[in-house]
Amino acid sequence: MKIYKYEVNAGIVKAPILQVLDVQMQDGRPVMWALIDENALQRTVEFAIYWTGQEINREVLKEFEYFKTLQDEVGLVWHVFIKR
């Protein structure tokens, strides 16, 4: 097992992920750290990320669970949800 870092800008990460450890801002972009097993099957982790004040589709969020809130260096606040 290892810990890998993935960018989550695109909203989808495909990797042999065992557990999502954290999501934080790094160099102005949201990144995820995950515990992986290189011998395991690929798993798809989907993210929905919204800024404070941004309109959110209630139907989309029915499939997602709140994970955490991030703040970037210019003061934007991002709210991260992960698909169940």
N, C-alpha and C. Protein backbone atom coordinates (compact mmCIF):
# COMPACT_ATOMS: atom_id res chain seq x y z
N MET A 1 0.85 -1.18 0.00
CA MET A 1 0.00 0.00 0.00
C MET A 1 0.89 1.24 0.00
N LYS A 2 0.36 2.30 -0.56
CA LYS A 2 1.05 3.59 -0.63
C LYS A 2 0.02 4.71 -0.51
N ILE A 3 0.50 5.90 -0.27
CA ILE A 3 -0.35 7.08 -0.32
C ILE A 3 0.02 7.86 -1.57
N TYR A 4 -0.98 8.14 -2.42
CA TYR A 4 -0.78 8.89 -3.65
C TYR A 4 -1.61 10.17 -3.59
N LYS A 5 -1.19 11.14 -4.41
CA LYS A 5 -1.92 12.41 -4.52
C LYS A 5 -2.51 12.49 -5.92
N TYR A 6 -3.76 12.99 -6.01
CA TYR A 6 -4.46 13.13 -7.29
C TYR A 6 -5.12 14.49 -7.34
N GLU A 7 -5.10 15.14 -8.51
CA GLU A 7 -5.87 16.37 -8.71
C GLU A 7 -7.34 16.00 -8.85
N VAL A 8 -8.21 16.81 -8.28
CA VAL A 8 -9.65 16.52 -8.35
C VAL A 8 -10.41 17.57 -9.15
N ASN A 9 -9.70 18.41 -9.91
CA ASN A 9 -10.35 19.45 -10.72
C ASN A 9 -11.41 18.89 -11.65
N ALA A 10 -11.12 17.75 -12.28
CA ALA A 10 -12.04 17.19 -13.27
C ALA A 10 -13.26 16.54 -12.62
N GLY A 11 -13.21 16.31 -11.32
CA GLY A 11 -14.37 15.73 -10.63
C GLY A 11 -14.37 14.22 -10.57
N ILE A 12 -13.44 13.55 -11.26
CA ILE A 12 -13.38 12.09 -11.23
C ILE A 12 -11.94 11.65 -11.11
N VAL A 13 -11.70 10.69 -10.21
CA VAL A 13 -10.39 10.08 -10.07
C VAL A 13 -10.58 8.58 -10.19
N LYS A 14 -9.83 7.94 -11.10
CA LYS A 14 -9.86 6.48 -11.25
C LYS A 14 -8.50 5.95 -10.82
N ALA A 15 -8.51 5.10 -9.79
CA ALA A 15 -7.27 4.57 -9.24
C ALA A 15 -7.62 3.40 -8.33
N PRO A 16 -6.63 2.61 -7.93
CA PRO A 16 -6.89 1.50 -6.99
C PRO A 16 -7.00 2.01 -5.55
N ILE A 17 -7.98 2.83 -5.31
CA ILE A 17 -8.14 3.55 -4.04
C ILE A 17 -8.79 2.65 -2.99
N LEU A 18 -8.15 2.57 -1.84
CA LEU A 18 -8.73 1.88 -0.69
C LEU A 18 -9.49 2.85 0.20
N GLN A 19 -8.91 4.06 0.36
CA GLN A 19 -9.52 5.05 1.24
C GLN A 19 -9.08 6.46 0.86
N VAL A 20 -10.03 7.37 0.77
CA VAL A 20 -9.72 8.79 0.58
C VAL A 20 -9.30 9.33 1.94
N LEU A 21 -8.10 9.90 2.01
CA LEU A 21 -7.58 10.39 3.29
C LEU A 21 -7.91 11.86 3.52
N ASP A 22 -7.71 12.68 2.48
CA ASP A 22 -7.94 14.12 2.66
C ASP A 22 -8.03 14.79 1.30
N VAL A 23 -8.63 15.97 1.29
CA VAL A 23 -8.63 16.86 0.13
C VAL A 23 -8.24 18.23 0.66
N GLN A 24 -7.25 18.85 0.01
CA GLN A 24 -6.78 20.18 0.41
C GLN A 24 -6.41 20.97 -0.84
N MET A 25 -6.23 22.27 -0.66
CA MET A 25 -5.75 23.12 -1.74
C MET A 25 -4.23 23.04 -1.78
N GLN A 26 -3.68 22.90 -3.00
CA GLN A 26 -2.24 22.92 -3.18
C GLN A 26 -1.95 23.62 -4.50
N ASP A 27 -1.17 24.67 -4.46
CA ASP A 27 -0.86 25.47 -5.65
C ASP A 27 -2.13 25.94 -6.36
N GLY A 28 -3.15 26.32 -5.56
CA GLY A 28 -4.38 26.87 -6.11
C GLY A 28 -5.36 25.85 -6.66
N ARG A 29 -5.08 24.56 -6.47
CA ARG A 29 -5.96 23.51 -7.00
C ARG A 29 -6.32 22.52 -5.89
N PRO A 30 -7.54 21.97 -5.94
CA PRO A 30 -7.89 20.94 -4.96
C PRO A 30 -7.23 19.61 -5.34
N VAL A 31 -6.58 18.99 -4.36
CA VAL A 31 -5.95 17.69 -4.57
C VAL A 31 -6.41 16.73 -3.47
N MET A 32 -6.38 15.46 -3.81
CA MET A 32 -6.81 14.41 -2.88
C MET A 32 -5.62 13.52 -2.57
N TRP A 33 -5.49 13.12 -1.32
CA TRP A 33 -4.54 12.10 -0.94
C TRP A 33 -5.34 10.85 -0.60
N ALA A 34 -4.89 9.72 -1.12
CA ALA A 34 -5.62 8.48 -0.92
C ALA A 34 -4.67 7.33 -0.64
N LEU A 35 -5.13 6.41 0.17
CA LEU A 35 -4.42 5.16 0.40
C LEU A 35 -4.76 4.24 -0.76
N ILE A 36 -3.74 3.74 -1.44
CA ILE A 36 -4.00 2.90 -2.60
C ILE A 36 -3.29 1.56 -2.46
N ASP A 37 -3.78 0.58 -3.20
CA ASP A 37 -3.16 -0.72 -3.32
C ASP A 37 -2.97 -0.95 -4.81
N GLU A 38 -1.74 -0.90 -5.26
CA GLU A 38 -1.47 -0.99 -6.70
C GLU A 38 -1.95 -2.31 -7.31
N ASN A 39 -2.20 -3.32 -6.48
CA ASN A 39 -2.68 -4.62 -6.96
C ASN A 39 -4.21 -4.73 -6.95
N ALA A 40 -4.88 -3.72 -6.42
CA ALA A 40 -6.34 -3.75 -6.33
C ALA A 40 -6.98 -3.28 -7.63
N LEU A 41 -8.26 -3.53 -7.76
CA LEU A 41 -9.00 -3.07 -8.92
C LEU A 41 -9.17 -1.56 -8.88
N GLN A 42 -9.27 -0.96 -10.06
CA GLN A 42 -9.52 0.47 -10.17
C GLN A 42 -10.88 0.81 -9.56
N ARG A 43 -10.94 1.90 -8.87
CA ARG A 43 -12.18 2.41 -8.28
C ARG A 43 -12.35 3.84 -8.79
N THR A 44 -13.57 4.21 -9.07
CA THR A 44 -13.86 5.57 -9.49
C THR A 44 -14.41 6.35 -8.31
N VAL A 45 -13.76 7.46 -8.00
CA VAL A 45 -14.24 8.37 -6.95
C VAL A 45 -14.68 9.64 -7.65
N GLU A 46 -15.95 10.02 -7.45
CA GLU A 46 -16.48 11.24 -8.07
C GLU A 46 -16.66 12.33 -7.03
N PHE A 47 -16.30 13.53 -7.44
CA PHE A 47 -16.40 14.71 -6.57
C PHE A 47 -17.37 15.72 -7.16
N ALA A 48 -18.03 16.44 -6.29
CA ALA A 48 -18.78 17.64 -6.66
C ALA A 48 -18.22 18.75 -5.79
N ILE A 49 -17.76 19.81 -6.41
CA ILE A 49 -17.14 20.90 -5.67
C ILE A 49 -17.87 22.19 -6.00
N TYR A 50 -18.32 22.88 -4.96
CA TYR A 50 -19.09 24.12 -5.12
C TYR A 50 -18.46 25.23 -4.30
N TRP A 51 -18.47 26.44 -4.85
CA TRP A 51 -18.05 27.61 -4.12
C TRP A 51 -19.20 28.09 -3.23
N THR A 52 -18.86 28.81 -2.19
CA THR A 52 -19.89 29.43 -1.36
C THR A 52 -20.71 30.38 -2.24
N GLY A 53 -22.02 30.27 -2.16
CA GLY A 53 -22.92 31.12 -2.93
C GLY A 53 -23.29 30.57 -4.29
N GLN A 54 -22.64 29.51 -4.73
CA GLN A 54 -22.93 28.92 -6.03
C GLN A 54 -24.22 28.09 -5.95
N GLU A 55 -25.02 28.14 -7.01
CA GLU A 55 -26.25 27.35 -7.07
C GLU A 55 -25.90 25.86 -7.10
N ILE A 56 -26.64 25.07 -6.32
CA ILE A 56 -26.41 23.63 -6.23
C ILE A 56 -27.66 22.89 -6.66
N ASN A 57 -27.51 21.93 -7.56
CA ASN A 57 -28.62 21.11 -8.01
C ASN A 57 -28.92 20.06 -6.94
N ARG A 58 -30.10 20.15 -6.33
CA ARG A 58 -30.49 19.25 -5.25
C ARG A 58 -30.46 17.79 -5.69
N GLU A 59 -30.88 17.53 -6.93
CA GLU A 59 -30.92 16.16 -7.45
C GLU A 59 -29.51 15.56 -7.54
N VAL A 60 -28.55 16.36 -7.97
CA VAL A 60 -27.17 15.89 -8.08
C VAL A 60 -26.63 15.51 -6.71
N LEU A 61 -26.88 16.34 -5.72
CA LEU A 61 -26.32 16.09 -4.39
C LEU A 61 -26.97 14.92 -3.66
N LYS A 62 -28.09 14.41 -4.15
CA LYS A 62 -28.70 13.24 -3.51
C LYS A 62 -27.75 12.05 -3.51
N GLU A 63 -26.85 12.01 -4.48
CA GLU A 63 -25.91 10.89 -4.60
C GLU A 63 -24.56 11.17 -3.92
N PHE A 64 -24.39 12.37 -3.37
CA PHE A 64 -23.11 12.76 -2.80
C PHE A 64 -23.22 13.00 -1.30
N GLU A 65 -22.08 12.88 -0.63
CA GLU A 65 -22.00 13.12 0.80
C GLU A 65 -20.95 14.21 1.04
N TYR A 66 -21.25 15.13 1.94
CA TYR A 66 -20.31 16.20 2.26
C TYR A 66 -19.01 15.59 2.80
N PHE A 67 -17.86 16.11 2.33
CA PHE A 67 -16.56 15.63 2.81
C PHE A 67 -15.83 16.70 3.62
N LYS A 68 -15.65 17.90 3.04
CA LYS A 68 -14.98 18.96 3.79
C LYS A 68 -15.06 20.29 3.04
N THR A 69 -14.62 21.36 3.69
CA THR A 69 -14.58 22.70 3.12
C THR A 69 -13.13 23.14 3.03
N LEU A 70 -12.77 23.78 1.90
CA LEU A 70 -11.42 24.26 1.66
C LEU A 70 -11.45 25.76 1.41
N GLN A 71 -10.33 26.43 1.65
CA GLN A 71 -10.22 27.84 1.31
C GLN A 71 -8.93 28.03 0.53
N ASP A 72 -9.03 28.73 -0.63
CA ASP A 72 -7.82 28.95 -1.42
C ASP A 72 -7.14 30.25 -1.02
N GLU A 73 -6.02 30.54 -1.68
CA GLU A 73 -5.20 31.68 -1.27
C GLU A 73 -5.81 33.03 -1.60
N VAL A 74 -6.84 33.07 -2.47
CA VAL A 74 -7.49 34.35 -2.77
C VAL A 74 -8.79 34.52 -2.00
N GLY A 75 -9.09 33.57 -1.12
CA GLY A 75 -10.26 33.70 -0.25
C GLY A 75 -11.51 32.99 -0.71
N LEU A 76 -11.46 32.29 -1.87
CA LEU A 76 -12.63 31.50 -2.28
C LEU A 76 -12.77 30.29 -1.37
N VAL A 77 -14.00 29.98 -1.02
CA VAL A 77 -14.26 28.83 -0.16
C VAL A 77 -14.94 27.76 -1.00
N TRP A 78 -14.37 26.55 -1.02
CA TRP A 78 -14.83 25.43 -1.81
C TRP A 78 -15.40 24.37 -0.87
N HIS A 79 -16.53 23.79 -1.25
CA HIS A 79 -17.17 22.75 -0.45
C HIS A 79 -17.14 21.46 -1.26
N VAL A 80 -16.53 20.43 -0.70
CA VAL A 80 -16.26 19.19 -1.42
C VAL A 80 -17.24 18.10 -0.98
N PHE A 81 -17.85 17.47 -1.97
CA PHE A 81 -18.76 16.34 -1.75
C PHE A 81 -18.21 15.15 -2.53
N ILE A 82 -18.35 13.93 -1.97
CA ILE A 82 -17.90 12.72 -2.63
C ILE A 82 -19.10 11.82 -2.87
N LYS A 83 -19.16 11.24 -4.08
CA LYS A 83 -20.28 10.37 -4.41
C LYS A 83 -20.23 9.11 -3.55
N ARG A 84 -21.39 8.74 -3.02
CA ARG A 84 -21.48 7.56 -2.15
C ARG A 84 -21.20 6.31 -2.92
